[in-house]
Protein backbone atom coordinates (compact mmCIF):
# COMPACT_ATOMS: atom_id res chain seq x y z
CA UNK A 1 14.43 -20.83 -2.46
CA UNK A 2 17.04 -23.59 -2.61
CA UNK A 3 15.71 -27.16 -2.77
CA UNK A 4 17.97 -29.90 -1.44
CA UNK A 5 18.72 -32.68 -3.89
CA UNK A 6 17.44 -30.74 -6.91
CA UNK A 7 20.73 -29.86 -8.56
CA UNK A 8 20.86 -26.59 -6.65
CA UNK A 9 17.44 -25.55 -7.96
CA UNK A 10 16.59 -22.04 -6.83
CA UNK A 11 12.81 -22.24 -7.02
CA UNK A 12 11.05 -18.91 -7.63
CA UNK A 13 7.98 -19.04 -5.41
CA UNK A 14 5.27 -16.48 -6.17
CA UNK A 15 3.25 -16.72 -2.96
CA UNK A 16 -0.46 -16.49 -3.72
CA UNK A 17 -2.01 -15.97 -0.29
CA UNK A 18 -2.76 -12.24 -0.32
CA UNK A 19 -5.69 -12.50 -2.74
CA UNK A 20 -9.19 -11.29 -1.98
CA UNK A 21 -10.46 -14.47 -3.66
CA UNK A 22 -9.04 -16.68 -0.89
CA UNK A 23 -11.61 -18.51 1.22
CA UNK A 24 -11.90 -20.35 4.51
CA UNK A 25 -14.70 -22.78 5.26
CA UNK A 26 -17.15 -21.53 7.88
CA UNK A 27 -17.15 -25.02 9.35
CA UNK A 28 -13.36 -25.18 9.37
CA UNK A 29 -11.13 -24.87 12.40
CA UNK A 30 -10.15 -21.25 11.76
CA UNK A 31 -13.65 -19.76 11.86
CA UNK A 32 -14.85 -19.73 15.46
CA UNK A 33 -17.83 -18.50 17.49
CA UNK A 34 -21.37 -17.78 16.40
CA UNK A 35 -23.58 -14.81 15.61
CA UNK A 36 -22.05 -11.45 16.48
CA UNK A 37 -18.97 -13.22 17.85
CA UNK A 38 -18.14 -15.19 14.71
CA UNK A 39 -14.51 -14.50 13.83
CA UNK A 40 -11.37 -15.78 12.16
CA UNK A 41 -8.92 -17.03 14.76
CA UNK A 42 -5.22 -16.49 14.05
CA UNK A 43 -1.86 -15.98 15.71
CA UNK A 44 -0.06 -12.68 15.24
CA UNK A 45 3.59 -12.47 14.23
CA UNK A 46 4.34 -11.80 17.92
CA UNK A 47 2.77 -15.12 18.85
CA UNK A 48 -0.39 -13.66 20.37
CA UNK A 49 -3.83 -15.21 19.75
CA UNK A 50 -6.21 -12.86 17.95
CA UNK A 51 -9.61 -12.79 16.31
CA UNK A 52 -10.77 -10.93 13.22
CA UNK A 53 -14.52 -10.44 13.62
CA UNK A 54 -16.71 -11.14 10.59
CA UNK A 55 -18.67 -8.01 9.65
CA UNK A 56 -22.44 -8.07 9.20
CA UNK A 57 -22.14 -7.05 5.54
CA UNK A 58 -20.16 -10.22 4.82
CA UNK A 59 -22.95 -12.36 6.26
CA UNK A 60 -25.33 -11.12 3.57
CA UNK A 61 -23.15 -12.43 0.75
CA UNK A 62 -23.78 -15.61 -1.23
CA UNK A 63 -20.29 -16.90 -0.43
CA UNK A 64 -20.92 -16.70 3.31
CA UNK A 65 -24.35 -18.29 3.03
CA UNK A 66 -22.82 -21.15 1.05
CA UNK A 67 -20.23 -21.71 3.77
CA UNK A 68 -17.25 -19.70 2.50
CA UNK A 69 -15.47 -16.77 4.15
CA UNK A 70 -13.24 -14.58 1.98
CA UNK A 71 -10.77 -13.94 4.76
CA UNK A 72 -8.29 -11.69 2.96
CA UNK A 73 -11.16 -9.50 1.82
CA UNK A 74 -12.34 -9.25 5.43
CA UNK A 75 -8.86 -8.23 6.61
CA UNK A 76 -8.33 -5.63 3.88
CA UNK A 77 -11.73 -4.05 4.44
CA UNK A 78 -11.17 -3.96 8.21
CA UNK A 79 -7.71 -2.41 7.87
CA UNK A 80 -8.78 0.19 5.30
CA UNK A 81 -12.04 1.19 7.00
CA UNK A 82 -10.50 1.96 10.37
CA UNK A 83 -13.20 -0.03 12.16
CA UNK A 84 -10.88 -2.82 13.23
CA UNK A 85 -7.77 -1.57 11.46
CA UNK A 86 -5.25 -2.91 13.96
CA UNK A 87 -6.58 -6.47 13.76
CA UNK A 88 -6.91 -6.32 9.97
CA UNK A 89 -3.30 -5.19 9.66
CA UNK A 90 -2.16 -7.89 12.08
CA UNK A 91 -3.92 -10.51 9.99
CA UNK A 92 -2.31 -9.33 6.75
CA UNK A 93 1.05 -9.11 8.46
CA UNK A 94 0.92 -12.75 9.53
CA UNK A 95 -0.06 -13.79 5.99
CA UNK A 96 3.00 -12.01 4.61
CA UNK A 97 5.33 -13.30 7.34
CA UNK A 98 4.14 -16.89 6.98
CA UNK A 99 4.85 -16.85 3.26
CA UNK A 100 8.22 -15.21 3.79
CA UNK A 101 9.16 -17.86 6.37
CA UNK A 102 7.97 -20.59 3.99
CA UNK A 103 10.39 -19.45 1.27
CA UNK A 104 8.35 -17.14 -0.98
CA UNK A 105 10.32 -15.06 -3.50
CA UNK A 106 7.48 -12.65 -4.36
CA UNK A 107 4.21 -11.84 -2.63
CA UNK A 108 1.42 -11.91 -5.19
CA UNK A 109 -1.30 -9.35 -4.45
CA UNK A 110 -4.77 -9.31 -5.98
CA UNK A 111 -7.79 -7.22 -4.92
CA UNK A 112 -10.15 -7.92 -7.84
CA UNK A 113 -12.94 -9.19 -5.59
CA UNK A 114 -12.75 -6.38 -3.06
CA UNK A 115 -15.39 -4.60 -5.17
CA UNK A 116 -16.91 -4.59 -8.64
CA UNK A 117 -16.12 -0.87 -8.92
CA UNK A 118 -12.84 0.00 -10.64
CA UNK A 119 -12.15 3.06 -8.48
CA UNK A 120 -12.50 0.97 -5.32
CA UNK A 121 -10.22 -1.74 -6.72
CA UNK A 122 -7.59 0.88 -7.55
CA UNK A 123 -7.82 2.42 -4.09
CA UNK A 124 -7.49 -1.03 -2.52
CA UNK A 125 -4.45 -2.10 -4.57
CA UNK A 126 -2.70 1.20 -3.85
CA UNK A 127 -3.33 0.80 -0.12
CA UNK A 128 -2.49 -2.91 0.03
CA UNK A 129 0.75 -2.71 -1.95
CA UNK A 130 2.00 0.07 0.31
CA UNK A 131 0.89 -1.82 3.42
CA UNK A 132 2.55 -5.10 2.40
CA UNK A 133 5.76 -3.33 1.43
CA UNK A 134 5.87 -2.05 5.01
CA UNK A 135 5.43 -5.57 6.36
CA UNK A 136 8.00 -7.49 4.30
CA UNK A 137 11.20 -6.95 2.36
CA UNK A 138 10.00 -9.33 -0.35
CA UNK A 139 9.06 -7.71 -3.68
CA UNK A 140 5.39 -7.73 -4.60
CA UNK A 141 3.81 -9.24 -7.68
CA UNK A 142 0.85 -7.11 -8.75
CA UNK A 143 -1.90 -9.32 -10.13
CA UNK A 144 -5.23 -8.28 -11.66
CA UNK A 145 -7.54 -8.86 -14.60
CA UNK A 146 -7.50 -5.09 -15.20
CA UNK A 147 -4.39 -3.25 -16.41
CA UNK A 148 -5.45 -0.01 -14.70
CA UNK A 149 -5.42 -1.81 -11.36
CA UNK A 150 -2.02 -3.28 -12.16
CA UNK A 151 -0.60 0.12 -13.06
CA UNK A 152 -1.91 1.59 -9.81
CA UNK A 153 -0.22 -1.21 -7.89
CA UNK A 154 3.10 -0.82 -9.69
CA UNK A 155 3.02 2.92 -9.10
CA UNK A 156 2.52 2.25 -5.39
CA UNK A 157 5.81 0.31 -5.36
CA UNK A 158 7.58 3.69 -5.64
CA UNK A 159 10.41 2.30 -7.74
CA UNK A 160 11.05 -0.78 -5.58
CA UNK A 161 11.58 -4.15 -7.34
CA UNK A 162 8.27 -5.64 -8.45
CA UNK A 163 6.60 -8.05 -10.82
CA UNK A 164 3.67 -7.57 -13.22
CA UNK A 165 1.31 -10.55 -13.30
CA UNK A 166 0.48 -10.80 -16.13
CA UNK A 167 0.87 -9.80 -19.79
CA UNK A 168 -0.65 -11.67 -22.72
CA UNK A 169 -1.46 -11.30 -26.40
CA UNK A 170 -4.83 -9.81 -25.46
CA UNK A 171 -3.12 -7.08 -23.43
CA UNK A 172 0.27 -6.46 -24.97
CA UNK A 173 0.31 -2.96 -23.50
CA UNK A 174 1.09 -4.57 -20.15
CA UNK A 175 4.64 -5.15 -21.47
CA UNK A 176 5.09 -1.39 -21.90
CA UNK A 177 3.80 -0.89 -18.39
CA UNK A 178 6.24 -3.44 -16.95
CA UNK A 179 9.08 -1.72 -18.82
CA UNK A 180 7.97 1.71 -17.58
CA UNK A 181 8.09 0.57 -13.94
CA UNK A 182 11.20 -1.60 -14.41
CA UNK A 183 9.25 -4.65 -13.24
CA UNK A 184 9.80 -8.30 -14.01
CA UNK A 185 6.92 -9.72 -16.01
CA UNK A 186 4.85 -12.88 -16.18
CA UNK A 187 3.82 -13.58 -19.79
CA UNK A 188 1.08 -16.11 -20.42
CA UNK A 189 0.19 -18.48 -23.23
CA UNK A 190 -3.28 -16.97 -23.68
CA UNK A 191 -4.26 -15.99 -27.22
CA UNK A 192 -5.70 -12.72 -28.47
CA UNK A 193 -9.23 -13.83 -27.66
CA UNK A 194 -9.12 -16.92 -25.49
CA UNK A 195 -7.28 -19.75 -23.83
CA UNK A 196 -4.87 -22.01 -25.76
CA UNK A 197 -5.96 -25.38 -27.10
CA UNK A 198 -3.24 -27.98 -26.64
CA UNK A 199 0.54 -27.86 -26.45
CA UNK A 200 1.18 -26.21 -29.79
CA UNK A 201 -0.95 -23.12 -29.12
CA UNK A 202 0.66 -22.70 -25.72
CA UNK A 203 4.12 -22.72 -27.24
CA UNK A 204 3.22 -20.41 -30.13
CA UNK A 205 1.42 -17.86 -27.95
CA UNK A 206 4.03 -17.87 -25.20
CA UNK A 207 6.85 -17.57 -27.75
CA UNK A 208 5.19 -14.54 -29.30
CA UNK A 209 5.03 -12.94 -25.86
CA UNK A 210 8.66 -13.71 -25.03
CA UNK A 211 9.79 -12.35 -28.39
CA UNK A 212 7.70 -9.19 -27.88
CA UNK A 213 9.24 -8.70 -24.43
CA UNK A 214 12.75 -9.17 -25.80
CA UNK A 215 12.00 -6.60 -28.52
CA UNK A 216 11.09 -4.10 -25.78
CA UNK A 217 14.43 -4.60 -24.07
CA UNK A 218 13.59 -7.18 -21.39
CA UNK A 219 16.41 -9.54 -20.47
CA UNK A 220 15.42 -13.22 -20.50
CA UNK A 221 16.00 -13.51 -16.77
CA UNK A 222 13.29 -10.91 -16.11
CA UNK A 223 10.65 -12.86 -18.06
CA UNK A 224 8.52 -15.56 -16.40
CA UNK A 225 6.49 -17.73 -18.80
CA UNK A 226 3.13 -19.06 -17.59
CA UNK A 227 2.07 -21.84 -20.01
CA UNK A 228 -1.34 -21.91 -18.26
CA UNK A 229 -2.32 -24.85 -16.07
CA UNK A 230 -5.82 -26.26 -16.58
CA UNK A 231 -7.67 -28.78 -14.36
CA UNK A 232 -7.26 -32.43 -15.27
CA UNK A 233 -10.75 -33.08 -13.89
CA UNK A 234 -12.05 -31.37 -17.05
CA UNK A 235 -9.82 -33.25 -19.51
CA UNK A 236 -7.22 -35.88 -18.69
CA UNK A 237 -4.76 -34.49 -21.27
CA UNK A 238 -4.53 -31.00 -19.76
CA UNK A 239 -1.63 -31.96 -17.51
CA UNK A 240 0.46 -33.39 -20.34
CA UNK A 241 -0.33 -30.42 -22.59
CA UNK A 242 1.15 -28.06 -20.02
CA UNK A 243 4.17 -30.25 -19.20
CA UNK A 244 5.00 -30.72 -22.88
CA UNK A 245 4.78 -26.96 -23.41
CA UNK A 246 7.18 -26.40 -20.52
CA UNK A 247 9.71 -28.79 -22.10
CA UNK A 248 9.51 -27.08 -25.47
CA UNK A 249 9.72 -23.56 -24.08
CA UNK A 250 12.74 -24.45 -21.96
CA UNK A 251 14.44 -25.96 -25.01
CA UNK A 252 13.62 -22.90 -27.10
CA UNK A 253 14.80 -20.19 -24.68
CA UNK A 254 17.49 -21.90 -22.63
CA UNK A 255 18.32 -21.66 -18.94
CA UNK A 256 17.91 -17.91 -18.39
CA UNK A 257 14.17 -17.52 -18.93
CA UNK A 258 11.90 -18.44 -16.02
CA UNK A 259 8.92 -20.78 -16.31
CA UNK A 260 6.16 -20.60 -13.72
CA UNK A 261 2.39 -21.16 -13.51
CA UNK A 262 -0.60 -21.42 -11.22
CA UNK A 263 0.19 -24.97 -10.19
CA UNK A 264 -2.90 -25.51 -8.01
CA UNK A 265 -5.19 -24.95 -11.01
CA UNK A 266 -4.43 -28.51 -12.06
CA UNK A 267 -6.44 -30.01 -9.19
CA UNK A 268 -9.71 -28.05 -9.35
CA UNK A 269 -12.65 -30.41 -8.86
CA UNK A 270 -10.56 -33.18 -7.28
CA UNK A 271 -10.53 -34.15 -3.58
CA UNK A 272 -7.28 -34.22 -1.61
CA UNK A 273 -5.95 -31.47 -3.87
CA UNK A 274 -2.68 -30.84 -2.03
CA UNK A 275 -1.24 -34.21 -3.08
CA UNK A 276 -2.05 -33.57 -6.74
CA UNK A 277 -0.64 -30.03 -6.54
CA UNK A 278 2.60 -31.22 -4.95
CA UNK A 279 3.18 -33.96 -7.50
CA UNK A 280 2.42 -31.61 -10.39
CA UNK A 281 4.97 -29.09 -9.12
CA UNK A 282 7.62 -31.82 -9.00
CA UNK A 283 6.70 -32.93 -12.51
CA UNK A 284 6.70 -29.35 -13.82
CA UNK A 285 10.19 -28.72 -12.44
CA UNK A 286 11.39 -31.98 -13.99
CA UNK A 287 10.00 -30.75 -17.31
CA UNK A 288 11.88 -27.43 -17.02
CA UNK A 289 9.93 -25.04 -14.79
CA UNK A 290 11.94 -23.16 -12.16
CA UNK A 291 9.07 -21.55 -10.30
CA UNK A 292 5.40 -21.56 -9.50
CA UNK A 293 2.51 -19.45 -8.30
CA UNK A 294 1.84 -21.54 -5.22
CA UNK A 295 0.88 -21.48 -1.55
CA UNK A 296 4.21 -22.20 0.18
CA UNK A 297 2.53 -22.34 3.59
CA UNK A 298 0.04 -25.09 2.73
CA UNK A 299 2.59 -26.96 0.59
CA UNK A 300 6.16 -26.18 1.70
CA UNK A 301 8.32 -26.77 -1.40
CA UNK A 302 11.07 -28.49 0.59
CA UNK A 303 8.53 -31.05 1.83
CA UNK A 304 7.01 -31.37 -1.63
CA UNK A 305 10.32 -32.36 -3.23
CA UNK A 306 11.17 -34.73 -0.38
CA UNK A 307 7.98 -36.77 -0.91
CA UNK A 308 8.25 -40.54 -1.36
CA UNK A 309 7.85 -40.99 -5.10
CA UNK A 310 7.19 -44.72 -4.67
CA UNK A 311 4.21 -44.13 -2.38
CA UNK A 312 0.67 -45.09 -3.38
CA UNK A 313 -0.52 -41.49 -3.27
CA UNK A 314 2.33 -40.19 -5.39
CA UNK A 315 1.88 -42.84 -8.07
CA UNK A 316 -1.89 -42.35 -8.18
CA UNK A 317 -1.45 -38.59 -8.59
CA UNK A 318 1.18 -39.12 -11.27
CA UNK A 319 -1.14 -41.43 -13.23
CA UNK A 320 -3.86 -38.82 -12.93
CA UNK A 321 -1.64 -36.01 -14.18
CA UNK A 322 -0.24 -38.04 -17.07
CA UNK A 323 -3.70 -38.95 -18.32
CA UNK A 324 -3.70 -42.64 -17.36
CA UNK A 325 -6.56 -42.39 -14.84
CA UNK A 326 -9.77 -41.96 -16.83
CA UNK A 327 -12.16 -39.55 -15.05
CA UNK A 328 -9.85 -39.64 -12.00
CA UNK A 329 -11.53 -42.90 -10.95
CA UNK A 330 -8.57 -44.62 -9.29
CA UNK A 331 -7.44 -41.54 -7.40
CA UNK A 332 -10.90 -40.64 -6.14
CA UNK A 333 -11.59 -44.29 -5.30
CA UNK A 334 -8.47 -44.43 -3.13
CA UNK A 335 -9.50 -41.21 -1.39
CA UNK A 336 -12.98 -42.59 -0.68
CA UNK A 337 -11.47 -45.70 0.86
CA UNK A 338 -9.22 -43.60 3.11
CA UNK A 339 -6.08 -44.87 1.41
CA UNK A 340 -4.62 -41.36 1.16
CA UNK A 341 -4.97 -40.51 4.85
CA UNK A 342 -1.31 -41.23 5.52
CA UNK A 343 -0.45 -38.46 3.08
CA UNK A 344 -2.51 -35.78 4.79
CA UNK A 345 -5.77 -36.33 2.92
CA UNK A 346 -8.75 -37.04 5.18
CA UNK A 347 -11.37 -39.39 3.72
CA UNK A 348 -14.84 -38.09 2.90
CA UNK A 349 -17.19 -37.53 5.82
CA UNK A 350 -19.57 -40.39 6.34
CA UNK A 351 -23.22 -39.48 6.77
CA UNK A 352 -24.94 -41.11 9.70
CA UNK A 353 -28.13 -43.11 9.23
CA UNK A 354 -31.56 -41.95 10.30
């Protein structure tokens, strides 16, 4: 999508909403009713109010009992089972449409948590890829921790444009698979047996992947590098490691290669995450990224890049991401005081006395 004021940047948005990992809070506004009537309220693409009833099996899960509802999983199971297929399909359709309207370039699809059984995962990815392709003209990005699931998803594209998310040194055969199905490919900076440590390992690992893809005939403009985004709540230098790797990879491979990443990973463990995510995306693009695996509905990129960069919230997030805010103290302190409310971040709930 084009971003005004960004030197005609055409941001490649890999929309991450159609994942069976996605959760809603049971106490949030979208989960309504009680008991047998508990449901996810939503609006269909035709503008009609609807409810996706939570099944009894879901209520036995640890996630549900801890206050989380895996809403995409509920919709996929409902649509595939035939029990409430029409509502499940309507729910998935509005997820796809909302991302399309928000400027997504690809629709990333992941069913890893639909089941622990490989055969059920493969059946789900086959069904969901075909269903989503019937709902949107956007190409799908097939995402999984298992290459068999990815191959099943790519096969379900029936030759239509697609993306493989992702290939790495620990599963180089995914490059052959992407070539076989003529898919674009996300290559990550992971090593043969683990995650990278620091900027240098990111650059070395990612470069090996790009070079391997080029050797298999991929054009640079069909390769998307994911330098791997880690949470700054764990280590204050993780943001700068990733940004420095982006700069070096852009310098090494020029303007044709694409650089992306799971931008929201940076804010795990931090309150008011959307502000941190938005600022990190701006910083990543300034460093050389031209895309991101993001939620364009929750954080519309046009709004993200139009943010006031002199605001208190922006500067606090920037300090956090550049490692100047030890243990996130200043940022979290501002959130606790309600100083980020003007930027869409509600303060923590205050417990009543007695």
